[in-house]
Amino acid sequence: MTEAVTEPKGGINQPQWPERLAEQERSGKSVRSFCKDRGIAEHVFYYWRKRLRRQSQPVRFALVERSAASPEPSAPAGLELVLTTGERLRIGAGVDAAALRTVLEVLRR
């Protein structure tokens, strides 16, 4: 039996989605073909994939010390952002891209 899923926010279906996403990956089929075979709207598939990926990524924080005058770092940073408040954010060359995106999203608020 083919199941038609059209509403992305169907909370009652949420427990099914991790397995559906895994099934699509195991199948080797494109998202379009997989969704067509199962009667799932593609936008619903992408909605749940994005939502579940976002939930599964851990958020990491770093201790930030604030002081009136901070000494210059002994080793040069890969990147330095100067905020409008005058504070400086030094980002090392080996920083995790996902963690940096999270920090930048918080600073934009």
PDB file of N, CA and C in Angstrom:
ATOM      1  N   MET A   1       0.833  -1.174   0.000  1.00  0.00           N
ATOM      2  CA  MET A   1       0.000   0.000   0.000  1.00  0.00           C
ATOM      3  C   MET A   1       0.881   1.242   0.000  1.00  0.00           C
ATOM      4  N   THR A   2       0.561   2.212  -0.812  1.00  0.00           N
ATOM      5  CA  THR A   2       1.338   3.443  -0.902  1.00  0.00           C
ATOM      6  C   THR A   2       0.784   4.462   0.076  1.00  0.00           C
ATOM      7  N   GLU A   3       1.674   5.091   0.782  1.00  0.00           N
ATOM      8  CA  GLU A   3       1.290   6.063   1.799  1.00  0.00           C
ATOM      9  C   GLU A   3       1.535   7.461   1.257  1.00  0.00           C
ATOM     10  N   ALA A   4       0.534   8.300   1.225  1.00  0.00           N
ATOM     11  CA  ALA A   4       0.676   9.668   0.752  1.00  0.00           C
ATOM     12  C   ALA A   4       0.901  10.589   1.937  1.00  0.00           C
ATOM     13  N   VAL A   5       2.026  11.305   1.913  1.00  0.00           N
ATOM     14  CA  VAL A   5       2.359  12.240   2.974  1.00  0.00           C
ATOM     15  C   VAL A   5       2.464  13.609   2.338  1.00  0.00           C
ATOM     16  N   THR A   6       1.647  14.545   2.772  1.00  0.00           N
ATOM     17  CA  THR A   6       1.678  15.862   2.157  1.00  0.00           C
ATOM     18  C   THR A   6       1.942  16.986   3.138  1.00  0.00           C
ATOM     19  N   GLU A   7       1.706  16.796   4.409  1.00  0.00           N
ATOM     20  CA  GLU A   7       1.891  17.866   5.386  1.00  0.00           C
ATOM     21  C   GLU A   7       3.237  17.709   6.089  1.00  0.00           C
ATOM     22  N   PRO A   8       4.141  18.700   5.993  1.00  0.00           N
ATOM     23  CA  PRO A   8       5.443  18.578   6.632  1.00  0.00           C
ATOM     24  C   PRO A   8       5.394  18.557   8.137  1.00  0.00           C
ATOM     25  N   LYS A   9       4.389  19.153   8.750  1.00  0.00           N
ATOM     26  CA  LYS A   9       4.389  19.248  10.196  1.00  0.00           C
ATOM     27  C   LYS A   9       3.484  18.213  10.836  1.00  0.00           C
ATOM     28  N   GLY A  10       3.335  17.092  10.210  1.00  0.00           N
ATOM     29  CA  GLY A  10       2.518  16.013  10.778  1.00  0.00           C
ATOM     30  C   GLY A  10       3.270  15.361  11.912  1.00  0.00           C
ATOM     31  N   GLY A  11       3.169  15.917  13.108  1.00  0.00           N
ATOM     32  CA  GLY A  11       3.935  15.457  14.254  1.00  0.00           C
ATOM     33  C   GLY A  11       3.767  13.986  14.552  1.00  0.00           C
ATOM     34  N   ILE A  12       2.594  13.428  14.272  1.00  0.00           N
ATOM     35  CA  ILE A  12       2.378  12.025  14.578  1.00  0.00           C
ATOM     36  C   ILE A  12       3.251  11.123  13.714  1.00  0.00           C
ATOM     37  N   ASN A  13       3.739  11.623  12.599  1.00  0.00           N
ATOM     38  CA  ASN A  13       4.576  10.821  11.715  1.00  0.00           C
ATOM     39  C   ASN A  13       6.069  10.964  12.017  1.00  0.00           C
ATOM     40  N   GLN A  14       6.431  11.857  12.910  1.00  0.00           N
ATOM     41  CA  GLN A  14       7.839  12.120  13.161  1.00  0.00           C
ATOM     42  C   GLN A  14       8.654  10.871  13.488  1.00  0.00           C
ATOM     43  N   PRO A  15       8.190   9.942  14.315  1.00  0.00           N
ATOM     44  CA  PRO A  15       9.008   8.770  14.631  1.00  0.00           C
ATOM     45  C   PRO A  15       9.358   7.923  13.409  1.00  0.00           C
ATOM     46  N   GLN A  16       8.582   8.004  12.341  1.00  0.00           N
ATOM     47  CA  GLN A  16       8.847   7.215  11.142  1.00  0.00           C
ATOM     48  C   GLN A  16       9.985   7.785  10.298  1.00  0.00           C
ATOM     49  N   TRP A  17      10.249   9.067  10.425  1.00  0.00           N
ATOM     50  CA  TRP A  17      11.163   9.714   9.499  1.00  0.00           C
ATOM     51  C   TRP A  17      12.624   9.304   9.598  1.00  0.00           C
ATOM     52  N   PRO A  18      13.202   9.090  10.762  1.00  0.00           N
ATOM     53  CA  PRO A  18      14.599   8.641  10.762  1.00  0.00           C
ATOM     54  C   PRO A  18      14.789   7.347   9.963  1.00  0.00           C
ATOM     55  N   GLU A  19      13.838   6.411  10.107  1.00  0.00           N
ATOM     56  CA  GLU A  19      13.940   5.156   9.363  1.00  0.00           C
ATOM     57  C   GLU A  19      13.723   5.387   7.875  1.00  0.00           C
ATOM     58  N   ARG A  20      12.798   6.251   7.515  1.00  0.00           N
ATOM     59  CA  ARG A  20      12.572   6.560   6.090  1.00  0.00           C
ATOM     60  C   ARG A  20      13.823   7.155   5.457  1.00  0.00           C
ATOM     61  N   LEU A  21      14.466   8.062   6.167  1.00  0.00           N
ATOM     62  CA  LEU A  21      15.683   8.686   5.635  1.00  0.00           C
ATOM     63  C   LEU A  21      16.783   7.649   5.450  1.00  0.00           C
ATOM     64  N   ALA A  22      16.924   6.773   6.434  1.00  0.00           N
ATOM     65  CA  ALA A  22      17.933   5.714   6.345  1.00  0.00           C
ATOM     66  C   ALA A  22      17.605   4.753   5.204  1.00  0.00           C
ATOM     67  N   GLU A  23      16.327   4.450   5.047  1.00  0.00           N
ATOM     68  CA  GLU A  23      15.896   3.550   3.979  1.00  0.00           C
ATOM     69  C   GLU A  23      16.236   4.136   2.603  1.00  0.00           C
ATOM     70  N   GLN A  24      16.017   5.431   2.444  1.00  0.00           N
ATOM     71  CA  GLN A  24      16.337   6.083   1.163  1.00  0.00           C
ATOM     72  C   GLN A  24      17.833   5.991   0.878  1.00  0.00           C
ATOM     73  N   GLU A  25      18.653   6.238   1.887  1.00  0.00           N
ATOM     74  CA  GLU A  25      20.108   6.162   1.699  1.00  0.00           C
ATOM     75  C   GLU A  25      20.536   4.750   1.341  1.00  0.00           C
ATOM     76  N   ARG A  26      19.979   3.750   2.027  1.00  0.00           N
ATOM     77  CA  ARG A  26      20.333   2.354   1.739  1.00  0.00           C
ATOM     78  C   ARG A  26      19.874   1.930   0.352  1.00  0.00           C
ATOM     79  N   SER A  27      18.781   2.496  -0.113  1.00  0.00           N
ATOM     80  CA  SER A  27      18.214   2.067  -1.392  1.00  0.00           C
ATOM     81  C   SER A  27      19.093   2.441  -2.588  1.00  0.00           C
ATOM     82  N   GLY A  28      19.889   3.485  -2.437  1.00  0.00           N
ATOM     83  CA  GLY A  28      20.705   3.942  -3.557  1.00  0.00           C
ATOM     84  C   GLY A  28      19.906   4.733  -4.586  1.00  0.00           C
ATOM     85  N   LYS A  29      18.621   4.907  -4.331  1.00  0.00           N
ATOM     86  CA  LYS A  29      17.767   5.661  -5.248  1.00  0.00           C
ATOM     87  C   LYS A  29      17.893   7.155  -4.968  1.00  0.00           C
ATOM     88  N   SER A  30      17.561   7.931  -5.983  1.00  0.00           N
ATOM     89  CA  SER A  30      17.505   9.375  -5.771  1.00  0.00           C
ATOM     90  C   SER A  30      16.316   9.678  -4.861  1.00  0.00           C
ATOM     91  N   VAL A  31      16.332  10.860  -4.255  1.00  0.00           N
ATOM     92  CA  VAL A  31      15.223  11.263  -3.400  1.00  0.00           C
ATOM     93  C   VAL A  31      13.937  11.294  -4.216  1.00  0.00           C
ATOM     94  N   ARG A  32      14.014  11.811  -5.420  1.00  0.00           N
ATOM     95  CA  ARG A  32      12.834  11.911  -6.282  1.00  0.00           C
ATOM     96  C   ARG A  32      12.222  10.533  -6.539  1.00  0.00           C
ATOM     97  N   SER A  33      13.064   9.585  -6.920  1.00  0.00           N
ATOM     98  CA  SER A  33      12.579   8.238  -7.220  1.00  0.00           C
ATOM     99  C   SER A  33      12.025   7.548  -5.971  1.00  0.00           C
ATOM    100  N   PHE A  34      12.743   7.681  -4.861  1.00  0.00           N
ATOM    101  CA  PHE A  34      12.308   7.082  -3.602  1.00  0.00           C
ATOM    102  C   PHE A  34      10.948   7.627  -3.186  1.00  0.00           C
ATOM    103  N   CYS A  35      10.802   8.941  -3.230  1.00  0.00           N
ATOM    104  CA  CYS A  35       9.538   9.570  -2.827  1.00  0.00           C
ATOM    105  C   CYS A  35       8.402   9.178  -3.768  1.00  0.00           C
ATOM    106  N   LYS A  36       8.693   9.123  -5.048  1.00  0.00           N
ATOM    107  CA  LYS A  36       7.657   8.759  -6.018  1.00  0.00           C
ATOM    108  C   LYS A  36       7.154   7.339  -5.755  1.00  0.00           C
ATOM    109  N   ASP A  37       8.084   6.418  -5.487  1.00  0.00           N
ATOM    110  CA  ASP A  37       7.718   5.026  -5.227  1.00  0.00           C
ATOM    111  C   ASP A  37       6.832   4.873  -3.991  1.00  0.00           C
ATOM    112  N   ARG A  38       7.025   5.753  -3.020  1.00  0.00           N
ATOM    113  CA  ARG A  38       6.295   5.627  -1.749  1.00  0.00           C
ATOM    114  C   ARG A  38       5.163   6.637  -1.598  1.00  0.00           C
ATOM    115  N   GLY A  39       4.948   7.461  -2.613  1.00  0.00           N
ATOM    116  CA  GLY A  39       3.864   8.437  -2.535  1.00  0.00           C
ATOM    117  C   GLY A  39       4.124   9.550  -1.533  1.00  0.00           C
ATOM    118  N   ILE A  40       5.381   9.904  -1.361  1.00  0.00           N
ATOM    119  CA  ILE A  40       5.776  10.960  -0.422  1.00  0.00           C
ATOM    120  C   ILE A  40       6.124  12.203  -1.234  1.00  0.00           C
ATOM    121  N   ALA A  41       5.613  13.343  -0.839  1.00  0.00           N
ATOM    122  CA  ALA A  41       5.965  14.597  -1.499  1.00  0.00           C
ATOM    123  C   ALA A  41       7.441  14.906  -1.195  1.00  0.00           C
ATOM    124  N   GLU A  42       8.207  15.276  -2.217  1.00  0.00           N
ATOM    125  CA  GLU A  42       9.639  15.544  -2.027  1.00  0.00           C
ATOM    126  C   GLU A  42       9.890  16.624  -0.992  1.00  0.00           C
ATOM    127  N   HIS A  43       9.077  17.681  -1.009  1.00  0.00           N
ATOM    128  CA  HIS A  43       9.320  18.771  -0.054  1.00  0.00           C
ATOM    129  C   HIS A  43       9.156  18.288   1.385  1.00  0.00           C
ATOM    130  N   VAL A  44       8.292  17.312   1.604  1.00  0.00           N
ATOM    131  CA  VAL A  44       8.113  16.756   2.943  1.00  0.00           C
ATOM    132  C   VAL A  44       9.361  15.961   3.340  1.00  0.00           C
ATOM    133  N   PHE A  45       9.886  15.193   2.408  1.00  0.00           N
ATOM    134  CA  PHE A  45      11.109  14.428   2.654  1.00  0.00           C
ATOM    135  C   PHE A  45      12.237  15.376   3.054  1.00  0.00           C
ATOM    136  N   TYR A  46      12.445  16.440   2.258  1.00  0.00           N
ATOM    137  CA  TYR A  46      13.528  17.387   2.541  1.00  0.00           C
ATOM    138  C   TYR A  46      13.296  18.133   3.857  1.00  0.00           C
ATOM    139  N   TYR A  47      12.040  18.442   4.158  1.00  0.00           N
ATOM    140  CA  TYR A  47      11.720  19.104   5.422  1.00  0.00           C
ATOM    141  C   TYR A  47      12.199  18.252   6.596  1.00  0.00           C
ATOM    142  N   TRP A  48      11.814  16.979   6.586  1.00  0.00           N
ATOM    143  CA  TRP A  48      12.182  16.112   7.709  1.00  0.00           C
ATOM    144  C   TRP A  48      13.674  15.838   7.742  1.00  0.00           C
ATOM    145  N   ARG A  49      14.320  15.708   6.601  1.00  0.00           N
ATOM    146  CA  ARG A  49      15.762  15.473   6.590  1.00  0.00           C
ATOM    147  C   ARG A  49      16.488  16.660   7.220  1.00  0.00           C
ATOM    148  N   LYS A  50      16.096  17.861   6.824  1.00  0.00           N
ATOM    149  CA  LYS A  50      16.734  19.055   7.385  1.00  0.00           C
ATOM    150  C   LYS A  50      16.461  19.162   8.883  1.00  0.00           C
ATOM    151  N   ARG A  51      15.221  18.946   9.272  1.00  0.00           N
ATOM    152  CA  ARG A  51      14.840  19.058  10.684  1.00  0.00           C
ATOM    153  C   ARG A  51      15.588  18.054  11.553  1.00  0.00           C
ATOM    154  N   LEU A  52      15.663  16.817  11.107  1.00  0.00           N
ATOM    155  CA  LEU A  52      16.323  15.789  11.911  1.00  0.00           C
ATOM    156  C   LEU A  52      17.832  15.953  11.931  1.00  0.00           C
ATOM    157  N   ARG A  53      18.420  16.431  10.849  1.00  0.00           N
ATOM    158  CA  ARG A  53      19.873  16.690  10.862  1.00  0.00           C
ATOM    159  C   ARG A  53      20.206  17.798  11.844  1.00  0.00           C
ATOM    160  N   ARG A  54      19.366  18.824  11.862  1.00  0.00           N
ATOM    161  CA  ARG A  54      19.590  19.954  12.760  1.00  0.00           C
ATOM    162  C   ARG A  54      19.500  19.487  14.215  1.00  0.00           C
ATOM    163  N   GLN A  55      18.571  18.592  14.522  1.00  0.00           N
ATOM    164  CA  GLN A  55      18.394  18.096  15.884  1.00  0.00           C
ATOM    165  C   GLN A  55      19.547  17.198  16.318  1.00  0.00           C
ATOM    166  N   SER A  56      20.160  16.506  15.378  1.00  0.00           N
ATOM    167  CA  SER A  56      21.179  15.534  15.748  1.00  0.00           C
ATOM    168  C   SER A  56      22.569  16.144  15.889  1.00  0.00           C
ATOM    169  N   GLN A  57      22.752  17.391  15.483  1.00  0.00           N
ATOM    170  CA  GLN A  57      24.065  18.012  15.584  1.00  0.00           C
ATOM    171  C   GLN A  57      24.246  18.606  16.975  1.00  0.00           C
ATOM    172  N   PRO A  58      25.313  18.204  17.669  1.00  0.00           N
ATOM    173  CA  PRO A  58      25.531  18.752  19.003  1.00  0.00           C
ATOM    174  C   PRO A  58      25.955  20.216  18.922  1.00  0.00           C
ATOM    175  N   VAL A  59      25.548  20.985  19.894  1.00  0.00           N
ATOM    176  CA  VAL A  59      25.960  22.384  19.979  1.00  0.00           C
ATOM    177  C   VAL A  59      27.076  22.447  20.995  1.00  0.00           C
ATOM    178  N   ARG A  60      28.170  23.052  20.596  1.00  0.00           N
ATOM    179  CA  ARG A  60      29.319  23.156  21.495  1.00  0.00           C
ATOM    180  C   ARG A  60      29.566  24.621  21.818  1.00  0.00           C
ATOM    181  N   PHE A  61      29.967  24.862  23.037  1.00  0.00           N
ATOM    182  CA  PHE A  61      30.227  26.216  23.471  1.00  0.00           C
ATOM    183  C   PHE A  61      31.652  26.322  23.978  1.00  0.00           C
ATOM    184  N   ALA A  62      32.186  27.524  23.920  1.00  0.00           N
ATOM    185  CA  ALA A  62      33.519  27.786  24.437  1.00  0.00           C
ATOM    186  C   ALA A  62      33.411  28.872  25.491  1.00  0.00           C
ATOM    187  N   LEU A  63      34.250  28.814  26.491  1.00  0.00           N
ATOM    188  CA  LEU A  63      34.283  29.828  27.530  1.00  0.00           C
ATOM    189  C   LEU A  63      34.840  31.109  26.933  1.00  0.00           C
ATOM    190  N   VAL A  64      34.144  32.203  27.134  1.00  0.00           N
ATOM    191  CA  VAL A  64      34.593  33.503  26.647  1.00  0.00           C
ATOM    192  C   VAL A  64      34.803  34.395  27.851  1.00  0.00           C
ATOM    193  N   GLU A  65      36.011  34.888  27.989  1.00  0.00           N
ATOM    194  CA  GLU A  65      36.319  35.781  29.099  1.00  0.00           C
ATOM    195  C   GLU A  65      36.301  37.208  28.592  1.00  0.00           C
ATOM    196  N   ARG A  66      35.606  38.065  29.307  1.00  0.00           N
ATOM    197  CA  ARG A  66      35.531  39.470  28.923  1.00  0.00           C
ATOM    198  C   ARG A  66      36.397  40.270  29.874  1.00  0.00           C
ATOM    199  N   SER A  67      37.175  41.168  29.308  1.00  0.00           N
ATOM    200  CA  SER A  67      37.982  42.066  30.127  1.00  0.00           C
ATOM    201  C   SER A  67      38.131  43.383  29.370  1.00  0.00           C
ATOM    202  N   ALA A  68      38.487  44.437  30.103  1.00  0.00           N
ATOM    203  CA  ALA A  68      38.609  45.760  29.486  1.00  0.00           C
ATOM    204  C   ALA A  68      39.724  45.779  28.444  1.00  0.00           C
ATOM    205  N   ALA A  69      40.836  45.198  28.781  1.00  0.00           N
ATOM    206  CA  ALA A  69      41.964  45.163  27.845  1.00  0.00           C
ATOM    207  C   ALA A  69      42.534  43.756  27.860  1.00  0.00           C
ATOM    208  N   SER A  70      42.544  43.126  26.720  1.00  0.00           N
ATOM    209  CA  SER A  70      43.077  41.765  26.672  1.00  0.00           C
ATOM    210  C   SER A  70      44.432  41.788  25.984  1.00  0.00           C
ATOM    211  N   PRO A  71      45.351  40.951  26.468  1.00  0.00           N
ATOM    212  CA  PRO A  71      46.668  40.906  25.834  1.00  0.00           C
ATOM    213  C   PRO A  71      46.571  40.316  24.432  1.00  0.00           C
ATOM    214  N   GLU A  72      47.499  40.678  23.591  1.00  0.00           N
ATOM    215  CA  GLU A  72      47.546  40.134  22.233  1.00  0.00           C
ATOM    216  C   GLU A  72      47.890  38.646  22.307  1.00  0.00           C
ATOM    217  N   PRO A  73      47.339  37.846  21.425  1.00  0.00           N
ATOM    218  CA  PRO A  73      47.633  36.408  21.461  1.00  0.00           C
ATOM    219  C   PRO A  73      49.078  36.130  21.082  1.00  0.00           C
ATOM    220  N   SER A  74      49.622  35.052  21.648  1.00  0.00           N
ATOM    221  CA  SER A  74      51.001  34.707  21.347  1.00  0.00           C
ATOM    222  C   SER A  74      51.130  34.099  19.948  1.00  0.00           C
ATOM    223  N   ALA A  75      50.078  33.407  19.496  1.00  0.00           N
ATOM    224  CA  ALA A  75      50.099  32.825  18.153  1.00  0.00           C
ATOM    225  C   ALA A  75      49.030  33.522  17.311  1.00  0.00           C
ATOM    226  N   PRO A  76      49.333  33.835  16.066  1.00  0.00           N
ATOM    227  CA  PRO A  76      48.349  34.532  15.232  1.00  0.00           C
ATOM    228  C   PRO A  76      47.134  33.642  14.946  1.00  0.00           C
ATOM    229  N   ALA A  77      45.980  34.274  14.949  1.00  0.00           N
ATOM    230  CA  ALA A  77      44.744  33.546  14.663  1.00  0.00           C
ATOM    231  C   ALA A  77      44.569  33.428  13.158  1.00  0.00           C
ATOM    232  N   GLY A  78      43.779  32.431  12.740  1.00  0.00           N
ATOM    233  CA  GLY A  78      43.495  32.277  11.325  1.00  0.00           C
ATOM    234  C   GLY A  78      42.623  33.413  10.812  1.00  0.00           C
ATOM    235  N   LEU A  79      41.753  33.934  11.693  1.00  0.00           N
ATOM    236  CA  LEU A  79      40.806  34.977  11.317  1.00  0.00           C
ATOM    237  C   LEU A  79      40.439  35.752  12.568  1.00  0.00           C
ATOM    238  N   GLU A  80      40.279  37.047  12.430  1.00  0.00           N
ATOM    239  CA  GLU A  80      39.863  37.862  13.565  1.00  0.00           C
ATOM    240  C   GLU A  80      38.692  38.740  13.138  1.00  0.00           C
ATOM    241  N   LEU A  81      37.593  38.656  13.895  1.00  0.00           N
ATOM    242  CA  LEU A  81      36.423  39.498  13.648  1.00  0.00           C
ATOM    243  C   LEU A  81      36.393  40.559  14.730  1.00  0.00           C
ATOM    244  N   VAL A  82      36.213  41.811  14.326  1.00  0.00           N
ATOM    245  CA  VAL A  82      36.067  42.895  15.285  1.00  0.00           C
ATOM    246  C   VAL A  82      34.597  43.281  15.280  1.00  0.00           C
ATOM    247  N   LEU A  83      33.945  43.092  16.407  1.00  0.00           N
ATOM    248  CA  LEU A  83      32.525  43.370  16.531  1.00  0.00           C
ATOM    249  C   LEU A  83      32.297  44.859  16.704  1.00  0.00           C
ATOM    250  N   THR A  84      31.088  45.319  16.471  1.00  0.00           N
ATOM    251  CA  THR A  84      30.775  46.743  16.604  1.00  0.00           C
ATOM    252  C   THR A  84      30.971  47.239  18.023  1.00  0.00           C
ATOM    253  N   THR A  85      30.971  46.338  18.985  1.00  0.00           N
ATOM    254  CA  THR A  85      31.205  46.703  20.387  1.00  0.00           C
ATOM    255  C   THR A  85      32.688  46.897  20.685  1.00  0.00           C
ATOM    256  N   GLY A  86      33.541  46.581  19.707  1.00  0.00           N
ATOM    257  CA  GLY A  86      34.975  46.684  19.905  1.00  0.00           C
ATOM    258  C   GLY A  86      35.611  45.379  20.341  1.00  0.00           C
ATOM    259  N   GLU A  87      34.794  44.412  20.687  1.00  0.00           N
ATOM    260  CA  GLU A  87      35.327  43.111  21.087  1.00  0.00           C
ATOM    261  C   GLU A  87      35.860  42.380  19.873  1.00  0.00           C
ATOM    262  N   ARG A  88      36.840  41.533  20.099  1.00  0.00           N
ATOM    263  CA  ARG A  88      37.471  40.782  19.017  1.00  0.00           C
ATOM    264  C   ARG A  88      37.204  39.295  19.195  1.00  0.00           C
ATOM    265  N   LEU A  89      36.906  38.658  18.096  1.00  0.00           N
ATOM    266  CA  LEU A  89      36.688  37.213  18.084  1.00  0.00           C
ATOM    267  C   LEU A  89      37.794  36.617  17.227  1.00  0.00           C
ATOM    268  N   ARG A  90      38.690  35.892  17.864  1.00  0.00           N
ATOM    269  CA  ARG A  90      39.799  35.277  17.146  1.00  0.00           C
ATOM    270  C   ARG A  90      39.457  33.819  16.872  1.00  0.00           C
ATOM    271  N   ILE A  91      39.582  33.424  15.615  1.00  0.00           N
ATOM    272  CA  ILE A  91      39.199  32.088  15.174  1.00  0.00           C
ATOM    273  C   ILE A  91      40.438  31.390  14.650  1.00  0.00           C
ATOM    274  N   GLY A  92      40.781  30.273  15.280  1.00  0.00           N
ATOM    275  CA  GLY A  92      41.956  29.521  14.876  1.00  0.00           C
ATOM    276  C   GLY A  92      41.774  28.855  13.525  1.00  0.00           C
ATOM    277  N   ALA A  93      42.876  28.502  12.910  1.00  0.00           N
ATOM    278  CA  ALA A  93      42.848  27.919  11.568  1.00  0.00           C
ATOM    279  C   ALA A  93      42.130  26.568  11.531  1.00  0.00           C
ATOM    280  N   GLY A  94      42.118  25.810  12.619  1.00  0.00           N
ATOM    281  CA  GLY A  94      41.524  24.478  12.604  1.00  0.00           C
ATOM    282  C   GLY A  94      40.118  24.415  13.178  1.00  0.00           C
ATOM    283  N   VAL A  95      39.408  25.538  13.198  1.00  0.00           N
ATOM    284  CA  VAL A  95      38.076  25.555  13.807  1.00  0.00           C
ATOM    285  C   VAL A  95      37.087  24.727  12.986  1.00  0.00           C
ATOM    286  N   ASP A  96      36.174  24.072  13.688  1.00  0.00           N
ATOM    287  CA  ASP A  96      35.123  23.281  13.051  1.00  0.00           C
ATOM    288  C   ASP A  96      34.136  24.230  12.376  1.00  0.00           C
ATOM    289  N   ALA A  97      33.846  24.021  11.094  1.00  0.00           N
ATOM    290  CA  ALA A  97      32.987  24.913  10.323  1.00  0.00           C
ATOM    291  C   ALA A  97      31.577  24.987  10.902  1.00  0.00           C
ATOM    292  N   ALA A  98      31.036  23.870  11.351  1.00  0.00           N
ATOM    293  CA  ALA A  98      29.680  23.865  11.912  1.00  0.00           C
ATOM    294  C   ALA A  98      29.633  24.681  13.202  1.00  0.00           C
ATOM    295  N   ALA A  99      30.662  24.564  14.029  1.00  0.00           N
ATOM    296  CA  ALA A  99      30.708  25.327  15.276  1.00  0.00           C
ATOM    297  C   ALA A  99      30.808  26.819  14.978  1.00  0.00           C
ATOM    298  N   LEU A 100      31.599  27.180  13.984  1.00  0.00           N
ATOM    299  CA  LEU A 100      31.746  28.584  13.601  1.00  0.00           C
ATOM    300  C   LEU A 100      30.416  29.142  13.101  1.00  0.00           C
ATOM    301  N   ARG A 101      29.682  28.364  12.278  1.00  0.00           N
ATOM    302  CA  ARG A 101      28.365  28.810  11.807  1.00  0.00           C
ATOM    303  C   ARG A 101      27.424  29.065  12.977  1.00  0.00           C
ATOM    304  N   THR A 102      27.461  28.184  13.982  1.00  0.00           N
ATOM    305  CA  THR A 102      26.603  28.339  15.152  1.00  0.00           C
ATOM    306  C   THR A 102      26.939  29.621  15.898  1.00  0.00           C
ATOM    307  N   VAL A 103      28.219  29.891  16.092  1.00  0.00           N
ATOM    308  CA  VAL A 103      28.649  31.108  16.784  1.00  0.00           C
ATOM    309  C   VAL A 103      28.205  32.344  16.001  1.00  0.00           C
ATOM    310  N   LEU A 104      28.393  32.338  14.699  1.00  0.00           N
ATOM    311  CA  LEU A 104      28.013  33.487  13.882  1.00  0.00           C
ATOM    312  C   LEU A 104      26.503  33.713  13.891  1.00  0.00           C
ATOM    313  N   GLU A 105      25.738  32.639  13.892  1.00  0.00           N
ATOM    314  CA  GLU A 105      24.276  32.780  13.960  1.00  0.00           C
ATOM    315  C   GLU A 105      23.868  33.436  15.274  1.00  0.00           C
ATOM    316  N   VAL A 106      24.505  33.059  16.370  1.00  0.00           N
ATOM    317  CA  VAL A 106      24.192  33.642  17.677  1.00  0.00           C
ATOM    318  C   VAL A 106      24.564  35.119  17.695  1.00  0.00           C
ATOM    319  N   LEU A 107      25.707  35.473  17.114  1.00  0.00           N
ATOM    320  CA  LEU A 107      26.146  36.863  17.115  1.00  0.00           C
ATOM    321  C   LEU A 107      25.252  37.760  16.264  1.00  0.00           C
ATOM    322  N   ARG A 108      24.615  37.200  15.250  1.00  0.00           N
ATOM    323  CA  ARG A 108      23.759  37.983  14.382  1.00  0.00           C
ATOM    324  C   ARG A 108      22.433  38.361  15.037  1.00  0.00           C
ATOM    325  N   ARG A 109      22.066  37.703  16.108  1.00  0.00           N
ATOM    326  CA  ARG A 109      20.761  37.958  16.758  1.00  0.00           C
ATOM    327  C   ARG A 109      20.756  39.225  17.540  1.00  0.00           C
TER     328      ARG A 109
END
